[in-house]
Amino acid sequence: MQGRTVLVTGAASGIGAAAVTRLRADGARVAALDQGGSSGADASAVADLRSPEAVTAAIADLRTALGPFDALVHCAGICPPGSTLDSSDDLWLDVYSVNVLGALRVMREVVPDMRGRGGSIVLVSSINARFATPGLAAYAASKAALEEMARTAALEFAPDNIRVNTIAPASVDTPMLQASFARAADPAAARRSNEQRHPLGRLGTPGDAAELALFLASPRSGWITGSVFPLDGGAGVTRR
């Protein structure tokens, strides 16, 4: 990634923060975008993905600092609990605004940089896009929508040699996952139970996801587009 400029969203923690570190270690210049402050990147900006104007302004500032983008690693998202019928319209709309339209708003800003030069877009989805997920209805549906948007974008952007791929993690040990354990009656038991759902016997780490994001963002994956890559410790082989 030497000499390449990458925008990472959700860069303040979890997979996004790990991606910032790993991309910089591989020689990339990294711009970090998050709703809150982030550190460790070459430049950073703050924006709420719900606001198109904020996204446009923040990415413009990052482009001014580092130049046009060669790759995007989009990790930002929200995961509020709620069942299919008990989730309000406002919750559904908010989840889609962040998890689906947020990705679209960011792509609108970076794809023009890549036209005529090529580029790579990596979107972080979830195993829940393809497995029924009681209690996380809006989140699961939004990730399924994100994957379909990625496949369509991959075809639309291919003539410009802009690749679009998706990572679908199972349980990665991030603040978002830890918050879900904290909502359980017995958080320690909830964690143990979740670990056992993965045949490899552990949760994923943000570093695991960052390694795959690096590969997909880099020229090493130059003939891959429109794909969804499970990152799940074997959980998708036999859902427990």
Protein backbone atom coordinates (compact mmCIF):
# COMPACT_ATOMS: atom_id res chain seq x y z
CA MET A 1 0.00 0.00 0.00
CA GLN A 2 3.04 2.26 -0.18
CA GLY A 3 2.06 5.62 -1.63
CA ARG A 4 -1.67 4.91 -1.54
CA THR A 5 -4.24 6.93 0.37
CA VAL A 6 -7.05 5.13 2.20
CA LEU A 7 -10.15 6.48 3.93
CA VAL A 8 -11.24 4.42 6.96
CA THR A 9 -14.64 5.06 8.55
CA GLY A 10 -15.55 3.99 12.07
CA ALA A 11 -11.88 4.58 12.75
CA ALA A 12 -12.08 5.40 16.45
CA SER A 13 -12.44 1.84 17.74
CA GLY A 14 -12.90 -1.82 16.87
CA ILE A 15 -12.27 -3.00 13.32
CA GLY A 16 -11.84 0.55 12.04
CA ALA A 17 -9.07 1.40 14.49
CA ALA A 18 -7.30 -1.88 13.73
CA ALA A 19 -7.57 -1.17 9.99
CA VAL A 20 -5.96 2.24 10.46
CA THR A 21 -3.01 0.67 12.25
CA ARG A 22 -2.58 -2.20 9.78
CA LEU A 23 -2.87 -0.05 6.66
CA ARG A 24 -0.32 2.44 7.95
CA ALA A 25 2.04 -0.42 8.82
CA ASP A 26 1.81 -1.49 5.18
CA GLY A 27 2.77 1.97 3.96
CA ALA A 28 -0.59 3.61 3.30
CA ARG A 29 -1.49 7.16 4.18
CA VAL A 30 -4.70 6.86 6.17
CA ALA A 31 -7.53 9.32 6.64
CA ALA A 32 -9.80 8.52 9.60
CA LEU A 33 -13.49 9.40 9.78
CA ASP A 34 -15.66 8.78 12.82
CA GLN A 35 -18.56 10.29 14.72
CA GLY A 36 -16.15 10.92 17.58
CA GLY A 37 -12.46 11.73 17.67
CA SER A 38 -9.95 9.16 16.41
CA SER A 39 -6.19 8.90 16.64
CA GLY A 40 -3.34 7.11 14.93
CA ALA A 41 -4.11 8.19 11.36
CA ASP A 42 -2.32 10.68 9.13
CA ALA A 43 -5.41 12.91 9.17
CA SER A 44 -8.78 12.67 10.89
CA ALA A 45 -12.22 14.26 10.71
CA VAL A 46 -15.53 13.99 12.52
CA ALA A 47 -18.92 13.43 10.88
CA ASP A 48 -22.24 11.78 11.60
CA LEU A 49 -23.08 9.50 8.68
CA ARG A 50 -26.72 10.50 9.03
CA SER A 51 -25.84 13.91 7.60
CA PRO A 52 -24.90 14.09 3.90
CA GLU A 53 -23.59 17.61 4.41
CA ALA A 54 -21.34 16.58 7.29
CA VAL A 55 -19.97 13.63 5.32
CA THR A 56 -19.23 15.81 2.29
CA ALA A 57 -17.48 18.47 4.36
CA ALA A 58 -15.41 16.02 6.42
CA ILE A 59 -14.20 14.05 3.42
CA ALA A 60 -13.35 17.26 1.58
CA ASP A 61 -11.16 18.26 4.53
CA LEU A 62 -9.43 14.87 4.50
CA ARG A 63 -8.86 15.07 0.74
CA THR A 64 -7.30 18.49 1.16
CA ALA A 65 -4.97 17.05 3.80
CA LEU A 66 -3.89 13.86 2.02
CA GLY A 67 -5.00 14.03 -1.62
CA PRO A 68 -7.44 11.82 -3.57
CA PHE A 69 -8.35 8.41 -2.22
CA ASP A 70 -7.18 5.11 -3.68
CA ALA A 71 -9.23 2.93 -1.32
CA LEU A 72 -12.05 3.02 1.19
CA VAL A 73 -12.46 0.70 4.19
CA HIS A 74 -15.93 1.41 5.52
CA CYS A 75 -16.41 0.04 9.03
CA ALA A 76 -18.86 2.50 10.58
CA GLY A 77 -22.24 1.19 11.70
CA ILE A 78 -24.74 0.88 14.53
CA CYS A 79 -26.42 -2.17 16.05
CA PRO A 80 -29.36 -1.29 18.31
CA PRO A 81 -31.36 -4.22 19.70
CA GLY A 82 -34.95 -4.73 18.62
CA SER A 83 -37.24 -7.45 17.28
CA THR A 84 -39.10 -7.26 13.98
CA LEU A 85 -42.39 -5.91 15.32
CA ASP A 86 -41.18 -4.18 18.44
CA SER A 87 -38.69 -1.92 16.63
CA SER A 88 -40.20 1.46 15.83
CA ASP A 89 -40.21 3.09 12.42
CA ASP A 90 -37.70 5.60 13.76
CA LEU A 91 -35.30 2.83 14.78
CA TRP A 92 -35.55 1.09 11.39
CA LEU A 93 -35.01 4.37 9.55
CA ASP A 94 -32.08 5.35 11.75
CA VAL A 95 -30.32 2.00 11.25
CA TYR A 96 -30.77 2.22 7.49
CA SER A 97 -29.61 5.84 7.46
CA VAL A 98 -26.33 4.87 9.12
CA ASN A 99 -25.66 1.34 7.87
CA VAL A 100 -26.88 1.60 4.27
CA LEU A 101 -27.18 5.23 3.28
CA GLY A 102 -24.09 6.07 5.33
CA ALA A 103 -22.04 3.75 3.13
CA LEU A 104 -23.63 5.26 0.03
CA ARG A 105 -22.89 8.80 1.20
CA VAL A 106 -19.23 7.95 1.69
CA MET A 107 -18.96 6.16 -1.67
CA ARG A 108 -20.46 9.18 -3.44
CA GLU A 109 -17.55 11.23 -2.14
CA VAL A 110 -14.67 8.83 -2.88
CA VAL A 111 -15.65 7.16 -6.16
CA PRO A 112 -14.99 10.32 -8.22
CA ASP A 113 -11.41 10.26 -6.89
CA MET A 114 -10.97 6.73 -8.24
CA ARG A 115 -12.41 7.20 -11.72
CA GLY A 116 -9.63 7.09 -14.29
CA ARG A 117 -7.22 5.73 -11.67
CA GLY A 118 -8.89 2.62 -10.28
CA GLY A 119 -9.51 1.88 -6.65
CA SER A 120 -10.86 -0.49 -4.04
CA ILE A 121 -13.89 -0.22 -1.76
CA VAL A 122 -14.21 -2.56 1.22
CA LEU A 123 -17.50 -2.54 3.14
CA VAL A 124 -17.91 -4.28 6.49
CA SER A 125 -21.16 -6.25 6.70
CA SER A 126 -22.03 -9.06 9.12
CA ILE A 127 -22.78 -12.76 9.26
CA ASN A 128 -26.26 -11.57 10.27
CA ALA A 129 -26.91 -10.53 6.67
CA ARG A 130 -27.52 -14.19 5.82
CA PHE A 131 -28.67 -15.75 9.10
CA ALA A 132 -31.95 -14.99 10.84
CA THR A 133 -31.15 -12.84 13.84
CA PRO A 134 -33.96 -12.55 16.40
CA GLY A 135 -33.56 -9.40 18.45
CA LEU A 136 -31.47 -7.57 15.83
CA ALA A 137 -34.00 -7.32 13.04
CA ALA A 138 -33.17 -3.88 11.65
CA TYR A 139 -29.42 -4.44 11.93
CA ALA A 140 -29.55 -7.77 10.07
CA ALA A 141 -31.79 -6.37 7.35
CA SER A 142 -29.53 -3.35 6.90
CA LYS A 143 -26.47 -5.53 6.44
CA ALA A 144 -28.28 -7.64 3.83
CA ALA A 145 -29.14 -4.42 2.01
CA LEU A 146 -25.52 -3.28 2.27
CA GLU A 147 -24.29 -6.48 0.62
CA GLU A 148 -26.74 -6.15 -2.26
CA MET A 149 -25.75 -2.52 -2.76
CA ALA A 150 -22.11 -3.63 -2.87
CA ARG A 151 -22.79 -6.24 -5.56
CA THR A 152 -24.62 -3.70 -7.70
CA ALA A 153 -21.91 -1.09 -7.20
CA ALA A 154 -19.24 -3.63 -8.16
CA LEU A 155 -20.85 -4.03 -11.59
CA GLU A 156 -21.47 -0.33 -12.06
CA PHE A 157 -17.93 0.68 -11.08
CA ALA A 158 -16.07 -2.13 -12.87
CA PRO A 159 -15.55 -0.18 -16.15
CA ASP A 160 -13.48 2.29 -14.11
CA ASN A 161 -11.50 -0.55 -12.47
CA ILE A 162 -13.01 0.30 -9.10
CA ARG A 163 -13.52 -2.87 -7.10
CA VAL A 164 -16.17 -3.34 -4.38
CA ASN A 165 -16.01 -6.18 -1.89
CA THR A 166 -17.59 -6.94 1.46
CA ILE A 167 -16.35 -8.57 4.64
CA ALA A 168 -18.98 -10.42 6.68
CA PRO A 169 -17.63 -11.04 10.19
CA ALA A 170 -19.23 -13.19 12.82
CA SER A 171 -18.54 -12.19 16.44
CA VAL A 172 -15.55 -9.86 16.58
CA ASP A 173 -14.46 -8.68 20.02
CA THR A 174 -15.30 -4.99 19.61
CA PRO A 175 -17.06 -2.45 21.83
CA MET A 176 -20.26 -3.10 19.85
CA LEU A 177 -20.17 -6.82 20.68
CA GLN A 178 -19.17 -6.17 24.28
CA ALA A 179 -22.21 -3.90 24.64
CA SER A 180 -24.44 -6.77 23.53
CA PHE A 181 -22.95 -9.03 26.21
CA ALA A 182 -23.48 -6.30 28.80
CA ARG A 183 -27.22 -6.32 28.05
CA ALA A 184 -27.46 -10.01 29.02
CA ALA A 185 -28.46 -11.16 32.49
CA ASP A 186 -25.08 -12.89 32.82
CA PRO A 187 -22.55 -11.13 30.54
CA ALA A 188 -19.78 -13.68 31.19
CA ALA A 189 -22.07 -16.58 30.30
CA ALA A 190 -23.26 -14.74 27.19
CA ARG A 191 -19.67 -14.34 26.06
CA ARG A 192 -18.85 -18.01 26.65
CA SER A 193 -21.96 -19.09 24.77
CA ASN A 194 -21.07 -16.86 21.84
CA GLU A 195 -17.52 -18.19 21.69
CA GLN A 196 -18.88 -21.74 21.45
CA ARG A 197 -20.87 -20.85 18.32
CA HIS A 198 -17.57 -20.60 16.42
CA PRO A 199 -15.89 -23.92 15.57
CA LEU A 200 -12.45 -22.34 16.02
CA GLY A 201 -13.41 -21.77 19.63
CA ARG A 202 -12.83 -18.05 20.02
CA LEU A 203 -14.14 -14.65 19.05
CA GLY A 204 -12.56 -12.85 16.17
CA THR A 205 -10.26 -9.93 16.83
CA PRO A 206 -10.27 -6.54 15.13
CA GLY A 207 -6.83 -7.49 13.83
CA ASP A 208 -8.29 -10.53 12.05
CA ALA A 209 -10.67 -8.24 10.18
CA ALA A 210 -7.97 -5.66 9.48
CA GLU A 211 -5.79 -8.25 7.76
CA LEU A 212 -8.59 -9.15 5.36
CA ALA A 213 -9.42 -5.49 4.80
CA LEU A 214 -5.80 -4.79 3.93
CA PHE A 215 -5.75 -7.58 1.36
CA LEU A 216 -8.98 -6.43 -0.28
CA ALA A 217 -7.90 -2.78 -0.31
CA SER A 218 -4.55 -3.58 -1.86
CA PRO A 219 -3.51 -4.43 -5.43
CA ARG A 220 -2.93 -8.00 -4.24
CA SER A 221 -6.67 -8.59 -4.69
CA GLY A 222 -6.77 -6.90 -8.07
CA TRP A 223 -9.00 -9.47 -9.80
CA ILE A 224 -11.62 -9.70 -7.03
CA THR A 225 -14.82 -7.69 -7.04
CA GLY A 226 -18.46 -8.16 -6.09
CA SER A 227 -17.61 -10.76 -3.45
CA VAL A 228 -18.65 -11.27 0.16
CA PHE A 229 -15.94 -12.78 2.34
CA PRO A 230 -17.05 -14.61 5.51
CA LEU A 231 -14.76 -13.95 8.46
CA ASP A 232 -16.43 -16.13 11.01
CA GLY A 233 -14.24 -18.75 12.69
CA GLY A 234 -16.28 -21.42 10.89
CA ALA A 235 -19.64 -20.22 12.22
CA GLY A 236 -21.14 -20.05 8.74
CA VAL A 237 -20.33 -23.71 8.09
CA THR A 238 -22.64 -24.91 10.85
CA ARG A 239 -24.56 -22.22 12.70
CA ARG A 240 -24.76 -23.24 16.36
